[in-house]
Amino acid sequence: AQNGALRQVVVLGQGSGTAVEPRSTQAASWKLMGAHPNPFNPSTILRLQLEQPAHLTLSLHNLRGALCWQRELDAPAGLLEQVLDLGGMASGRYWLQVEDASGRAESLPLTLLR
């Protein structure tokens, strides 16, 4: 619009009207609730709330982005408390990423203290 005037745009053809298709039209079916304790040594409890069962990938990355640890999990619906025993890891700051089969991901920082 120029000088407050509106212009009409006519779109011809078929399609969804967008060049980028949405990844998912459904609302999130799970939520990452956090980990406790954090900082921890050598284990922490990851909490997730799931509206329906889901296949999840848990991955731990160092601050440089390198993958340090990874697990796959078939999680049932409801509140999930998953123990993460990282006793073989070095002290430091990490990022835990939780990703579902659709590619939706959430992450949180974790601190392992020795």
C-alpha atoms as a PDB file:
ATOM      1  CA  ALA A   1       0.000   0.000   0.000  1.00  0.00           C
ATOM      2  CA  GLN A   2       1.211   3.455  -0.858  1.00  0.00           C
ATOM      3  CA  ASN A   3       0.004   6.546   0.976  1.00  0.00           C
ATOM      4  CA  GLY A   4      -2.538   4.455   2.856  1.00  0.00           C
ATOM      5  CA  ALA A   5      -4.258   3.210  -0.329  1.00  0.00           C
ATOM      6  CA  LEU A   6      -5.058  -0.471  -0.599  1.00  0.00           C
ATOM      7  CA  ARG A   7      -4.416  -2.471  -3.727  1.00  0.00           C
ATOM      8  CA  GLN A   8      -6.318  -5.562  -4.731  1.00  0.00           C
ATOM      9  CA  VAL A   9      -4.306  -8.629  -5.700  1.00  0.00           C
ATOM     10  CA  VAL A  10      -5.966 -11.399  -7.655  1.00  0.00           C
ATOM     11  CA  VAL A  11      -4.343 -14.832  -7.570  1.00  0.00           C
ATOM     12  CA  LEU A  12      -5.217 -17.203 -10.379  1.00  0.00           C
ATOM     13  CA  GLY A  13      -4.623 -20.939 -10.353  1.00  0.00           C
ATOM     14  CA  GLN A  14      -4.797 -23.701  -7.825  1.00  0.00           C
ATOM     15  CA  GLY A  15      -2.822 -24.411  -4.685  1.00  0.00           C
ATOM     16  CA  SER A  16      -2.636 -23.560  -1.058  1.00  0.00           C
ATOM     17  CA  GLY A  17      -1.675 -19.953  -1.651  1.00  0.00           C
ATOM     18  CA  THR A  18       1.726 -20.326  -0.024  1.00  0.00           C
ATOM     19  CA  ALA A  19       5.123 -21.312  -1.362  1.00  0.00           C
ATOM     20  CA  VAL A  20       6.047 -23.014   1.898  1.00  0.00           C
ATOM     21  CA  GLU A  21       3.899 -25.852   3.169  1.00  0.00           C
ATOM     22  CA  PRO A  22       3.524 -26.028   6.958  1.00  0.00           C
ATOM     23  CA  ARG A  23       5.358 -28.896   8.628  1.00  0.00           C
ATOM     24  CA  SER A  24       2.318 -29.870  10.665  1.00  0.00           C
ATOM     25  CA  THR A  25      -1.156 -28.478  11.086  1.00  0.00           C
ATOM     26  CA  GLN A  26      -1.631 -30.248  14.418  1.00  0.00           C
ATOM     27  CA  ALA A  27      -0.875 -28.678  17.766  1.00  0.00           C
ATOM     28  CA  ALA A  28       2.150 -29.962  19.650  1.00  0.00           C
ATOM     29  CA  SER A  29       1.427 -33.378  21.142  1.00  0.00           C
ATOM     30  CA  TRP A  30       4.217 -33.205  23.738  1.00  0.00           C
ATOM     31  CA  LYS A  31       6.019 -30.686  25.905  1.00  0.00           C
ATOM     32  CA  LEU A  32       9.491 -30.763  27.426  1.00  0.00           C
ATOM     33  CA  MET A  33       8.998 -29.972  31.115  1.00  0.00           C
ATOM     34  CA  GLY A  34      12.673 -29.790  32.119  1.00  0.00           C
ATOM     35  CA  ALA A  35      15.211 -31.863  34.003  1.00  0.00           C
ATOM     36  CA  HIS A  36      15.799 -32.139  37.732  1.00  0.00           C
ATOM     37  CA  PRO A  37      18.280 -31.825  39.314  1.00  0.00           C
ATOM     38  CA  ASN A  38      20.219 -29.487  37.059  1.00  0.00           C
ATOM     39  CA  PRO A  39      23.190 -29.165  37.665  1.00  0.00           C
ATOM     40  CA  PHE A  40      23.508 -32.902  38.303  1.00  0.00           C
ATOM     41  CA  ASN A  41      26.025 -35.685  38.993  1.00  0.00           C
ATOM     42  CA  PRO A  42      25.862 -38.290  37.431  1.00  0.00           C
ATOM     43  CA  SER A  43      22.150 -38.525  36.549  1.00  0.00           C
ATOM     44  CA  THR A  44      19.109 -36.309  36.106  1.00  0.00           C
ATOM     45  CA  ILE A  45      15.430 -36.947  35.442  1.00  0.00           C
ATOM     46  CA  LEU A  46      13.993 -35.608  32.192  1.00  0.00           C
ATOM     47  CA  ARG A  47      10.265 -34.796  32.342  1.00  0.00           C
ATOM     48  CA  LEU A  48       7.986 -34.763  29.296  1.00  0.00           C
ATOM     49  CA  GLN A  49       4.217 -34.422  29.024  1.00  0.00           C
ATOM     50  CA  LEU A  50       2.784 -36.389  26.081  1.00  0.00           C
ATOM     51  CA  GLU A  51      -0.808 -36.156  24.839  1.00  0.00           C
ATOM     52  CA  GLN A  52      -0.320 -39.309  22.765  1.00  0.00           C
ATOM     53  CA  PRO A  53       2.397 -41.963  22.352  1.00  0.00           C
ATOM     54  CA  ALA A  54       5.425 -40.748  20.398  1.00  0.00           C
ATOM     55  CA  HIS A  55       8.754 -41.970  19.062  1.00  0.00           C
ATOM     56  CA  LEU A  56      11.385 -39.537  20.380  1.00  0.00           C
ATOM     57  CA  THR A  57      15.097 -39.087  19.819  1.00  0.00           C
ATOM     58  CA  LEU A  58      17.080 -37.686  22.750  1.00  0.00           C
ATOM     59  CA  SER A  59      20.467 -36.246  21.839  1.00  0.00           C
ATOM     60  CA  LEU A  60      23.087 -34.489  23.923  1.00  0.00           C
ATOM     61  CA  HIS A  61      25.434 -31.956  22.324  1.00  0.00           C
ATOM     62  CA  ASN A  62      28.411 -30.113  23.747  1.00  0.00           C
ATOM     63  CA  LEU A  63      28.714 -26.327  23.391  1.00  0.00           C
ATOM     64  CA  ARG A  64      30.548 -26.765  20.070  1.00  0.00           C
ATOM     65  CA  GLY A  65      27.541 -28.648  18.707  1.00  0.00           C
ATOM     66  CA  ALA A  66      29.174 -32.082  18.607  1.00  0.00           C
ATOM     67  CA  LEU A  67      26.883 -35.032  19.308  1.00  0.00           C
ATOM     68  CA  CYS A  68      27.994 -36.656  22.584  1.00  0.00           C
ATOM     69  CA  TRP A  69      25.142 -39.065  23.336  1.00  0.00           C
ATOM     70  CA  GLN A  70      21.914 -40.223  21.690  1.00  0.00           C
ATOM     71  CA  ARG A  71      18.976 -42.509  22.554  1.00  0.00           C
ATOM     72  CA  GLU A  72      15.685 -43.364  20.867  1.00  0.00           C
ATOM     73  CA  LEU A  73      12.605 -43.773  22.978  1.00  0.00           C
ATOM     74  CA  ASP A  74       9.064 -44.999  22.354  1.00  0.00           C
ATOM     75  CA  ALA A  75       7.199 -42.938  24.920  1.00  0.00           C
ATOM     76  CA  PRO A  76       3.638 -43.648  26.125  1.00  0.00           C
ATOM     77  CA  ALA A  77       1.038 -40.908  26.595  1.00  0.00           C
ATOM     78  CA  GLY A  78       1.055 -39.094  29.939  1.00  0.00           C
ATOM     79  CA  LEU A  79       3.797 -37.746  32.166  1.00  0.00           C
ATOM     80  CA  LEU A  80       7.125 -39.388  31.340  1.00  0.00           C
ATOM     81  CA  GLU A  81      10.071 -39.248  33.724  1.00  0.00           C
ATOM     82  CA  GLN A  82      13.170 -40.617  31.993  1.00  0.00           C
ATOM     83  CA  VAL A  83      16.401 -41.061  33.973  1.00  0.00           C
ATOM     84  CA  LEU A  84      19.439 -39.825  32.056  1.00  0.00           C
ATOM     85  CA  ASP A  85      22.587 -41.414  33.487  1.00  0.00           C
ATOM     86  CA  LEU A  86      25.527 -39.524  32.020  1.00  0.00           C
ATOM     87  CA  GLY A  87      28.191 -40.845  34.393  1.00  0.00           C
ATOM     88  CA  GLY A  88      30.635 -41.474  31.535  1.00  0.00           C
ATOM     89  CA  MET A  89      30.550 -37.849  30.355  1.00  0.00           C
ATOM     90  CA  ALA A  90      32.994 -35.103  31.289  1.00  0.00           C
ATOM     91  CA  SER A  91      31.931 -32.207  33.492  1.00  0.00           C
ATOM     92  CA  GLY A  92      30.533 -29.328  31.526  1.00  0.00           C
ATOM     93  CA  ARG A  93      27.593 -27.604  29.915  1.00  0.00           C
ATOM     94  CA  TYR A  94      25.508 -29.511  27.357  1.00  0.00           C
ATOM     95  CA  TRP A  95      22.327 -29.058  25.301  1.00  0.00           C
ATOM     96  CA  LEU A  96      19.749 -31.838  25.366  1.00  0.00           C
ATOM     97  CA  GLN A  97      17.503 -31.963  22.297  1.00  0.00           C
ATOM     98  CA  VAL A  98      14.248 -33.926  22.149  1.00  0.00           C
ATOM     99  CA  GLU A  99      12.901 -34.514  18.627  1.00  0.00           C
ATOM    100  CA  ASP A 100       9.828 -36.406  17.453  1.00  0.00           C
ATOM    101  CA  ALA A 101       9.252 -38.296  14.193  1.00  0.00           C
ATOM    102  CA  SER A 102       7.769 -35.188  12.502  1.00  0.00           C
ATOM    103  CA  GLY A 103      10.977 -33.214  13.099  1.00  0.00           C
ATOM    104  CA  ARG A 104       9.582 -31.011  15.888  1.00  0.00           C
ATOM    105  CA  ALA A 105      12.277 -30.405  18.495  1.00  0.00           C
ATOM    106  CA  GLU A 106      12.776 -28.717  21.845  1.00  0.00           C
ATOM    107  CA  SER A 107      16.012 -28.342  23.754  1.00  0.00           C
ATOM    108  CA  LEU A 108      17.285 -27.386  27.183  1.00  0.00           C
ATOM    109  CA  PRO A 109      20.681 -26.751  28.777  1.00  0.00           C
ATOM    110  CA  LEU A 110      22.121 -29.296  31.198  1.00  0.00           C
ATOM    111  CA  THR A 111      25.141 -28.927  33.478  1.00  0.00           C
ATOM    112  CA  LEU A 112      27.087 -31.981  34.629  1.00  0.00           C
ATOM    113  CA  LEU A 113      29.271 -31.299  37.675  1.00  0.00           C
ATOM    114  CA  ARG A 114      31.864 -33.733  39.022  1.00  0.00           C
END
